[in-house]
Amino acid sequence: MLRLRSPRVSLIVCGVALLIVAATSPFRAAAPEQTRALWVTRTTLTSPEAIRQMVEAAQAGGFNTLLVQVRGRGDAYYNGTIGPRAAELAGKPSFDPLATVLADAHAAGLQVHAWVAVNLVSSSVTLPASRDHVIYREPEWLMVPRELAAEMKKIDLRSPAYIGRLARWTRAHTSIVEGLYTSPLHPAAQDHTAAVIGEIAAKYAVDGIHLDYVRFPNEDFDYSAAAMEQFKSTITPDLTDVERREAAAREALDPAAYPNLFPERWNDFRRSRLTSLVIKIRTAVKTARPGVVVSAAVVPDAHVAFASRLQDWRGWIDQSLLDVICPMAYTTEPDVFLKQITAARAYAGSRPVWAGIGAYQLSPAQTLTHIAAANKLGVAGIILFSYESLAAPPNGAGSVSELGRAAFGTAPE
């Protein structure tokens, strides 16, 4: 048996595993039907050797599904024709990470879902080197925070100062935004994103497409000039003469006059455009490969998702836009985790729920406890974030295998 580097951790894993096996024997009988997944970040997709080691570790641990990050920041860890190839693959023109994962994983009996960052397209710390990147080609699609609405409207979109100012602001506010986002308020931006994801489904025999960052950073985005103009043109026909006159007068002094005057309509507009993006993505994927599973990582609290991230995932379920819902229940508190997954299952109804577990901030014992709790709730699957955090020093890929065996009751080879 492969061992975790720490003897104490191994004892904890083994002890908790015995409790799980004793308490969840019905789950063990149904185990082959449950999704046991790992989120695999793009850092593992930089060499065939790293991919092979990851697949072997996942298989040895009883995992049956890999969600591999093939679009991290508006770039491609696959051979695509829309947008730039990832900078980390420079000097490896013949290496196709997604094709390699598919070959190795399918040979090992594991499913592969292509994990794509939808709206988050760039780090603000290190901007993309390729001038073919979407932030340079279509800067008007980038989300702008409310605080910069007036300032950004005065900067030439094609000037380096535009992206530079947005990046500096983002770096100063890393607690609320992770980088630069494209905005779903623009139909052309929606079409571009759907085309990128549809191409993946068309070119590769993936088992699923997994959507991440299909949300706004928070409710104070997108106040870009083009986005607000989209909102203005959409609602103006429905305004009264009095409302039109008031909005026109206010706009001369306040660039965000329309969102500020009609906040509920503004929120509804942003939610509906994000939903339109999901519809376009699903259509592109299902047209290219009808049997592919479309899933999404969502904010676990549906009320917070709806109000603060403009992410109406309950509506997406009602419209059958997602085949699987994946609440990111990244909490260290067992009671909070239980509450979040219980609520998600209630909202999802008959739609499968894969419980997202933040293993990166949990001990092995805590991770196993979360898995056991999710299983008792009857979830259709669990996903651990992430393979890299579990395999990080002082552990290794073997620790992923050992944790999986403890969770799923599989025997070592």
Protein backbone atom coordinates (compact mmCIF):
# COMPACT_ATOMS: atom_id res chain seq x y z
CA MET A 1 0.00 0.00 0.00
CA LEU A 2 1.19 3.51 -0.79
CA ARG A 3 1.67 5.62 2.31
CA LEU A 4 1.26 9.28 3.11
CA ARG A 5 4.59 10.75 4.18
CA SER A 6 3.26 11.51 7.68
CA PRO A 7 2.59 8.40 9.86
CA ARG A 8 0.13 10.42 11.96
CA VAL A 9 -1.89 11.37 8.89
CA SER A 10 -1.93 7.73 7.75
CA LEU A 11 -3.34 6.62 11.10
CA ILE A 12 -6.04 9.27 10.93
CA VAL A 13 -6.98 8.27 7.39
CA CYS A 14 -7.15 4.59 8.28
CA GLY A 15 -9.15 5.23 11.44
CA VAL A 16 -11.72 7.42 9.77
CA ALA A 17 -11.89 5.02 6.83
CA LEU A 18 -12.99 2.21 9.12
CA LEU A 19 -15.77 4.40 10.48
CA ILE A 20 -16.89 5.30 6.96
CA VAL A 21 -16.88 1.69 5.78
CA ALA A 22 -18.88 0.61 8.82
CA ALA A 23 -21.40 3.45 8.53
CA THR A 24 -21.94 3.50 4.78
CA SER A 25 -22.16 -0.08 3.56
CA PRO A 26 -25.17 0.74 1.31
CA PHE A 27 -23.01 3.37 -0.38
CA ARG A 28 -20.27 0.81 -0.99
CA ALA A 29 -22.72 -1.46 -2.77
CA ALA A 30 -23.71 1.42 -5.10
CA ALA A 31 -20.17 2.77 -5.46
CA PRO A 32 -19.64 1.87 -9.15
CA GLU A 33 -22.53 4.18 -10.11
CA GLN A 34 -21.32 7.17 -8.14
CA THR A 35 -19.04 9.80 -9.63
CA ARG A 36 -15.76 9.99 -7.69
CA ALA A 37 -13.93 12.90 -9.20
CA LEU A 38 -10.87 15.06 -8.90
CA TRP A 39 -10.49 18.61 -10.10
CA VAL A 40 -7.13 18.63 -11.90
CA THR A 41 -5.66 22.08 -12.51
CA ARG A 42 -3.69 23.13 -15.58
CA THR A 43 -0.38 22.89 -13.68
CA THR A 44 -0.52 19.12 -14.13
CA LEU A 45 -1.18 19.39 -17.87
CA THR A 46 2.30 20.56 -18.81
CA SER A 47 3.93 17.19 -19.49
CA PRO A 48 2.94 13.64 -20.47
CA GLU A 49 4.77 12.33 -17.41
CA ALA A 50 2.77 14.46 -14.96
CA ILE A 51 -0.48 13.43 -16.66
CA ARG A 52 0.42 9.74 -16.54
CA GLN A 53 1.29 9.93 -12.85
CA MET A 54 -1.98 11.72 -12.10
CA VAL A 55 -4.08 9.16 -13.97
CA GLU A 56 -2.32 6.26 -12.25
CA ALA A 57 -2.86 7.82 -8.82
CA ALA A 58 -6.54 8.48 -9.52
CA GLN A 59 -7.14 4.95 -10.78
CA ALA A 60 -5.32 3.39 -7.81
CA GLY A 61 -7.47 5.42 -5.43
CA GLY A 62 -10.78 4.33 -6.92
CA PHE A 63 -11.58 7.66 -8.58
CA ASN A 64 -13.50 7.26 -11.82
CA THR A 65 -13.70 10.81 -13.19
CA LEU A 66 -11.23 13.61 -13.91
CA LEU A 67 -12.21 17.24 -14.41
CA VAL A 68 -9.17 18.66 -16.15
CA GLN A 69 -8.65 22.39 -16.55
CA VAL A 70 -8.07 22.86 -20.26
CA ARG A 71 -9.00 26.55 -20.35
CA GLY A 72 -7.49 28.30 -17.38
CA ARG A 73 -7.18 31.97 -18.25
CA GLY A 74 -8.50 32.42 -21.77
CA ASP A 75 -5.83 30.06 -23.13
CA ALA A 76 -5.78 26.51 -24.44
CA TYR A 77 -4.28 23.34 -23.00
CA TYR A 78 -5.42 21.56 -26.15
CA ASN A 79 -5.04 22.07 -29.89
CA GLY A 80 -7.59 24.75 -30.64
CA THR A 81 -8.08 27.36 -33.32
CA ILE A 82 -9.78 30.06 -31.23
CA GLY A 83 -7.47 31.95 -28.90
CA PRO A 84 -3.86 31.34 -27.89
CA ARG A 85 -2.14 28.17 -26.78
CA ALA A 86 -1.08 28.27 -23.12
CA ALA A 87 2.30 29.92 -22.57
CA GLU A 88 3.35 26.99 -20.37
CA LEU A 89 3.29 24.77 -23.47
CA ALA A 90 5.82 26.87 -25.37
CA GLY A 91 8.45 24.68 -26.98
CA LYS A 92 6.11 21.66 -27.03
CA PRO A 93 4.25 22.08 -30.33
CA SER A 94 3.44 18.39 -30.71
CA PHE A 95 2.13 17.95 -27.16
CA ASP A 96 -1.65 18.02 -26.75
CA PRO A 97 -2.49 17.85 -23.02
CA LEU A 98 -6.19 17.10 -23.43
CA ALA A 99 -5.58 14.37 -26.00
CA THR A 100 -2.97 12.83 -23.68
CA VAL A 101 -5.34 12.85 -20.70
CA LEU A 102 -8.10 11.30 -22.79
CA ALA A 103 -5.86 8.50 -24.06
CA ASP A 104 -4.40 7.65 -20.65
CA ALA A 105 -7.60 8.06 -18.64
CA HIS A 106 -9.89 6.20 -21.01
CA ALA A 107 -7.40 3.34 -21.17
CA ALA A 108 -7.56 3.23 -17.37
CA GLY A 109 -11.38 3.27 -17.34
CA LEU A 110 -11.73 6.86 -16.14
CA GLN A 111 -14.04 9.49 -17.60
CA VAL A 112 -12.69 12.91 -18.59
CA HIS A 113 -14.56 16.19 -18.37
CA ALA A 114 -13.02 19.30 -19.91
CA TRP A 115 -13.03 21.97 -17.20
CA VAL A 116 -13.21 25.50 -18.61
CA ALA A 117 -13.03 28.90 -16.92
CA VAL A 118 -15.86 30.73 -18.67
CA ASN A 119 -15.65 34.42 -17.76
CA LEU A 120 -12.31 34.61 -15.93
CA VAL A 121 -9.82 35.03 -18.77
CA SER A 122 -6.63 36.52 -17.33
CA SER A 123 -4.57 36.98 -14.24
CA SER A 124 -4.12 40.63 -13.31
CA VAL A 125 -0.62 39.96 -12.02
CA THR A 126 0.83 38.49 -15.21
CA LEU A 127 -0.99 39.60 -18.32
CA PRO A 128 -1.02 37.28 -21.36
CA ALA A 129 1.99 37.46 -23.65
CA SER A 130 0.07 36.56 -26.80
CA ARG A 131 -1.46 39.52 -28.61
CA ASP A 132 -4.06 37.07 -29.88
CA HIS A 133 -5.54 36.86 -26.40
CA VAL A 134 -9.12 38.06 -25.98
CA ILE A 135 -8.20 40.86 -23.57
CA TYR A 136 -6.18 42.56 -26.32
CA ARG A 137 -8.45 41.68 -29.24
CA GLU A 138 -11.71 42.70 -27.55
CA PRO A 139 -10.98 44.94 -24.54
CA GLU A 140 -14.54 46.28 -24.66
CA TRP A 141 -15.70 42.85 -23.47
CA LEU A 142 -13.84 43.13 -20.17
CA MET A 143 -15.86 43.65 -17.02
CA VAL A 144 -15.36 46.94 -15.19
CA PRO A 145 -16.16 47.55 -11.51
CA ARG A 146 -18.61 50.28 -10.53
CA GLU A 147 -15.79 52.25 -8.89
CA LEU A 148 -14.02 52.68 -12.25
CA ALA A 149 -17.10 53.33 -14.40
CA ALA A 150 -16.48 57.05 -14.95
CA GLU A 151 -12.69 56.80 -15.22
CA MET A 152 -12.63 53.91 -17.71
CA LYS A 153 -15.15 55.64 -19.96
CA LYS A 154 -12.58 58.36 -20.61
CA ILE A 155 -9.75 55.99 -21.61
CA ASP A 156 -9.31 54.85 -25.20
CA LEU A 157 -10.24 51.16 -25.36
CA ARG A 158 -7.34 50.44 -27.71
CA SER A 159 -4.81 52.18 -25.53
CA PRO A 160 -2.55 50.04 -23.28
CA ALA A 161 -3.71 52.37 -20.51
CA TYR A 162 -7.15 50.77 -20.56
CA ILE A 163 -6.09 47.24 -19.66
CA GLY A 164 -3.29 48.61 -17.49
CA ARG A 165 -5.69 50.59 -15.31
CA LEU A 166 -8.09 47.69 -14.98
CA ALA A 167 -5.27 45.30 -14.08
CA ARG A 168 -3.86 47.66 -11.43
CA TRP A 169 -7.27 48.06 -9.81
CA THR A 170 -7.78 44.31 -9.83
CA ARG A 171 -4.38 43.66 -8.23
CA ALA A 172 -5.35 46.05 -5.44
CA HIS A 173 -8.63 44.19 -4.84
CA THR A 174 -7.65 40.52 -4.94
CA SER A 175 -10.01 39.76 -2.06
CA ILE A 176 -13.02 40.40 -4.31
CA VAL A 177 -11.85 39.63 -7.84
CA GLU A 178 -9.39 37.01 -9.11
CA GLY A 179 -8.43 38.57 -12.41
CA LEU A 180 -9.89 40.01 -15.59
CA TYR A 181 -13.30 38.76 -16.69
CA THR A 182 -15.11 38.93 -20.00
CA SER A 183 -18.69 40.13 -19.71
CA PRO A 184 -21.71 38.06 -20.74
CA LEU A 185 -23.62 41.30 -21.35
CA HIS A 186 -22.27 41.44 -24.90
CA PRO A 187 -23.86 39.00 -27.38
CA ALA A 188 -20.59 38.86 -29.35
CA ALA A 189 -18.68 37.90 -26.19
CA GLN A 190 -21.23 35.17 -25.53
CA ASP A 191 -20.80 33.86 -29.07
CA HIS A 192 -17.02 33.82 -28.72
CA THR A 193 -17.09 31.88 -25.45
CA ALA A 194 -19.64 29.39 -26.78
CA ALA A 195 -17.50 28.86 -29.89
CA VAL A 196 -14.39 28.17 -27.78
CA ILE A 197 -16.18 25.58 -25.66
CA GLY A 198 -18.08 24.10 -28.59
CA GLU A 199 -14.79 23.52 -30.39
CA ILE A 200 -13.50 21.45 -27.48
CA ALA A 201 -16.59 19.25 -27.58
CA ALA A 202 -16.35 18.90 -31.36
CA LYS A 203 -12.65 17.99 -31.51
CA TYR A 204 -12.27 15.76 -28.47
CA ALA A 205 -14.12 12.67 -27.24
CA VAL A 206 -14.69 14.16 -23.79
CA ASP A 207 -17.29 12.69 -21.48
CA GLY A 208 -18.31 16.07 -20.17
CA ILE A 209 -17.86 19.83 -20.26
CA HIS A 210 -17.48 21.42 -16.83
CA LEU A 211 -18.15 25.15 -16.52
CA ASP A 212 -16.37 27.26 -13.91
CA TYR A 213 -16.44 31.02 -13.28
CA VAL A 214 -19.79 31.23 -15.02
CA ARG A 215 -20.65 34.10 -12.71
CA PHE A 216 -19.82 37.75 -11.96
CA PRO A 217 -17.05 38.52 -9.45
CA ASN A 218 -19.73 40.34 -7.42
CA GLU A 219 -22.72 42.61 -7.91
CA ASP A 220 -20.51 45.65 -8.62
CA PHE A 221 -19.50 44.38 -12.10
CA ASP A 222 -20.04 45.02 -15.18
CA TYR A 223 -20.01 48.80 -15.39
CA SER A 224 -18.08 49.01 -18.64
CA ALA A 225 -19.35 51.64 -21.05
CA ALA A 226 -20.38 49.09 -23.67
CA ALA A 227 -22.25 46.95 -21.13
CA MET A 228 -24.20 49.89 -19.74
CA GLU A 229 -25.04 50.96 -23.27
CA GLN A 230 -26.40 47.45 -23.90
CA PHE A 231 -28.61 47.81 -20.83
CA LYS A 232 -29.77 51.30 -21.85
CA SER A 233 -30.76 50.20 -25.35
CA THR A 234 -32.58 47.15 -23.96
CA ILE A 235 -34.77 48.94 -21.41
CA THR A 236 -35.36 52.31 -23.10
CA PRO A 237 -38.32 51.09 -25.21
CA ASP A 238 -40.11 50.04 -22.01
CA LEU A 239 -39.53 53.29 -20.08
CA THR A 240 -42.15 55.98 -19.62
CA ASP A 241 -41.54 59.44 -21.04
CA VAL A 242 -40.83 60.71 -17.53
CA GLU A 243 -38.30 57.94 -16.88
CA ARG A 244 -36.57 58.60 -20.19
CA ARG A 245 -36.21 62.32 -19.47
CA GLU A 246 -34.93 61.69 -15.95
CA ALA A 247 -32.42 59.08 -17.14
CA ALA A 248 -31.12 61.34 -19.93
CA ALA A 249 -30.63 64.22 -17.49
CA ARG A 250 -28.88 62.00 -14.94
CA GLU A 251 -26.61 60.36 -17.53
CA ALA A 252 -24.98 63.71 -18.30
CA LEU A 253 -23.57 63.68 -14.76
CA ASP A 254 -23.47 59.96 -13.93
CA PRO A 255 -22.20 57.37 -16.47
CA ALA A 256 -23.96 54.65 -14.46
CA ALA A 257 -27.26 56.53 -14.43
CA TYR A 258 -29.34 53.73 -15.95
CA PRO A 259 -28.10 50.98 -13.58
CA ASN A 260 -28.46 53.35 -10.64
CA LEU A 261 -31.97 54.47 -11.57
CA PHE A 262 -33.26 51.00 -12.35
CA PRO A 263 -31.31 48.65 -10.03
CA GLU A 264 -33.74 45.70 -10.12
CA ARG A 265 -33.97 45.78 -13.90
CA TRP A 266 -30.17 46.04 -14.02
CA ASN A 267 -29.81 42.93 -11.88
CA ASP A 268 -32.38 41.05 -13.93
CA PHE A 269 -30.63 42.12 -17.14
CA ARG A 270 -27.25 40.83 -15.96
CA ARG A 271 -28.71 37.54 -14.75
CA SER A 272 -30.62 37.00 -17.97
CA ARG A 273 -27.54 37.68 -20.11
CA LEU A 274 -25.50 35.22 -18.04
CA THR A 275 -28.26 32.67 -18.53
CA SER A 276 -28.18 33.41 -22.27
CA LEU A 277 -24.48 32.58 -22.24
CA VAL A 278 -25.18 29.22 -20.56
CA ILE A 279 -27.86 28.50 -23.17
CA LYS A 280 -25.42 29.23 -26.01
CA ILE A 281 -22.71 27.09 -24.43
CA ARG A 282 -25.06 24.16 -23.90
CA THR A 283 -26.36 24.44 -27.46
CA ALA A 284 -22.83 24.50 -28.91
CA VAL A 285 -21.74 21.52 -26.82
CA LYS A 286 -24.81 19.37 -27.41
CA THR A 287 -24.75 20.12 -31.13
CA ALA A 288 -21.15 18.98 -31.36
CA ARG A 289 -21.46 15.97 -29.05
CA PRO A 290 -25.02 15.21 -27.89
CA GLY A 291 -24.08 12.68 -25.22
CA VAL A 292 -21.70 14.97 -23.33
CA VAL A 293 -22.57 15.85 -19.72
CA VAL A 294 -22.75 19.59 -19.07
CA SER A 295 -21.99 20.50 -15.45
CA ALA A 296 -21.17 23.70 -13.59
CA ALA A 297 -19.31 24.61 -10.42
CA VAL A 298 -21.63 26.97 -8.58
CA VAL A 299 -21.69 29.11 -5.44
CA PRO A 300 -23.21 26.68 -2.91
CA ASP A 301 -25.63 29.14 -1.30
CA ALA A 302 -28.24 29.73 -4.01
CA HIS A 303 -29.35 33.03 -2.47
CA VAL A 304 -25.80 34.40 -2.40
CA ALA A 305 -25.23 33.13 -5.94
CA PHE A 306 -28.38 34.87 -7.18
CA ALA A 307 -27.88 38.20 -5.39
CA SER A 308 -24.10 38.67 -5.32
CA ARG A 309 -22.80 36.71 -8.30
CA LEU A 310 -25.86 37.12 -10.57
CA GLN A 311 -25.71 33.34 -10.96
CA ASP A 312 -29.23 31.94 -11.13
CA TRP A 313 -28.30 28.29 -11.02
CA ARG A 314 -31.71 27.29 -9.68
CA GLY A 315 -33.18 28.82 -12.84
CA TRP A 316 -30.65 26.90 -14.92
CA ILE A 317 -31.85 23.69 -13.31
CA ASP A 318 -35.49 24.62 -13.96
CA GLN A 319 -34.65 25.23 -17.63
CA SER A 320 -32.68 21.96 -17.87
CA LEU A 321 -29.53 23.84 -18.91
CA LEU A 322 -27.28 21.73 -16.69
CA ASP A 323 -27.06 17.96 -16.48
CA VAL A 324 -25.20 18.08 -13.17
CA ILE A 325 -24.87 20.77 -10.49
CA CYS A 326 -21.61 21.01 -8.53
CA PRO A 327 -21.90 23.20 -5.42
CA MET A 328 -18.45 24.37 -4.28
CA ALA A 329 -19.00 23.67 -0.59
CA TYR A 330 -15.49 24.75 0.38
CA THR A 331 -15.92 24.98 4.13
CA THR A 332 -14.01 23.45 7.01
CA GLU A 333 -17.16 23.27 9.14
CA PRO A 334 -19.03 19.93 8.93
CA ASP A 335 -22.36 21.53 9.88
CA VAL A 336 -22.04 24.20 7.19
CA PHE A 337 -21.06 21.60 4.61
CA LEU A 338 -24.05 19.45 5.52
CA LYS A 339 -26.39 22.45 5.27
CA GLN A 340 -25.04 23.55 1.90
CA ILE A 341 -25.24 20.14 0.26
CA THR A 342 -28.67 19.44 1.76
CA ALA A 343 -29.98 22.71 0.32
CA ALA A 344 -28.38 22.06 -3.07
CA ARG A 345 -29.97 18.61 -3.26
CA ALA A 346 -33.36 20.08 -2.38
CA TYR A 347 -33.05 22.72 -5.11
CA ALA A 348 -31.76 20.24 -7.67
CA GLY A 349 -34.66 17.83 -7.33
CA SER A 350 -33.97 14.91 -9.65
CA ARG A 351 -30.94 16.64 -11.17
CA PRO A 352 -27.66 14.97 -10.07
CA VAL A 353 -25.56 16.82 -7.50
CA TRP A 354 -21.82 16.32 -7.20
CA ALA A 355 -20.64 17.68 -3.87
CA GLY A 356 -17.58 19.87 -4.30
CA ILE A 357 -15.20 19.43 -1.36
CA GLY A 358 -12.37 21.88 -0.66
CA ALA A 359 -9.77 19.28 0.24
CA TYR A 360 -7.05 21.92 -0.21
CA GLN A 361 -7.98 23.41 3.17
CA LEU A 362 -8.90 20.19 4.98
CA SER A 363 -6.92 17.47 6.70
CA PRO A 364 -7.34 13.95 5.28
CA ALA A 365 -9.64 13.13 8.21
CA GLN A 366 -11.81 16.18 7.55
CA THR A 367 -11.99 15.34 3.85
CA LEU A 368 -13.14 11.81 4.64
CA THR A 369 -15.75 13.16 7.07
CA HIS A 370 -17.13 15.47 4.35
CA ILE A 371 -17.23 12.58 1.86
CA ALA A 372 -19.12 10.41 4.36
CA ALA A 373 -21.62 13.21 5.03
CA ALA A 374 -22.22 13.75 1.32
CA ASN A 375 -22.75 10.04 0.79
CA LYS A 376 -25.32 9.86 3.58
CA LEU A 377 -27.23 12.62 1.81
CA GLY A 378 -27.31 10.47 -1.31
CA VAL A 379 -25.39 12.71 -3.68
CA ALA A 380 -24.70 11.41 -7.15
CA GLY A 381 -21.03 12.20 -6.83
CA ILE A 382 -18.22 13.95 -5.01
CA ILE A 383 -15.40 16.10 -6.40
CA LEU A 384 -12.23 16.95 -4.51
CA PHE A 385 -10.42 20.21 -5.09
CA SER A 386 -7.79 19.51 -6.00
CA TYR A 387 -5.47 16.75 -7.14
CA GLU A 388 -2.52 19.15 -6.87
CA SER A 389 -3.23 20.14 -3.28
CA LEU A 390 -3.55 16.50 -2.23
CA ALA A 391 -0.32 15.54 -3.97
CA ALA A 392 1.66 18.57 -2.81
CA PRO A 393 4.82 18.07 -0.68
CA PRO A 394 5.45 16.56 1.76
CA ASN A 395 2.98 14.12 0.23
CA GLY A 396 2.91 12.93 -3.36
CA ALA A 397 0.67 11.31 -5.94
CA GLY A 398 0.53 8.24 -3.70
CA SER A 399 -1.34 10.21 -1.04
CA VAL A 400 -4.18 10.77 -3.53
CA SER A 401 -4.43 7.01 -4.02
CA GLU A 402 -4.43 6.32 -0.30
CA LEU A 403 -7.11 8.91 0.42
CA GLY A 404 -9.28 7.49 -2.34
CA ARG A 405 -8.94 3.96 -1.04
CA ALA A 406 -9.87 5.13 2.46
CA ALA A 407 -12.91 7.00 1.14
CA PHE A 408 -14.22 4.42 -1.29
CA GLY A 409 -13.17 1.18 0.34
CA THR A 410 -11.11 0.05 -2.63
CA ALA A 411 -8.24 -2.36 -2.09
CA PRO A 412 -4.66 -1.41 -2.99
CA GLU A 413 -3.21 -3.07 -6.07
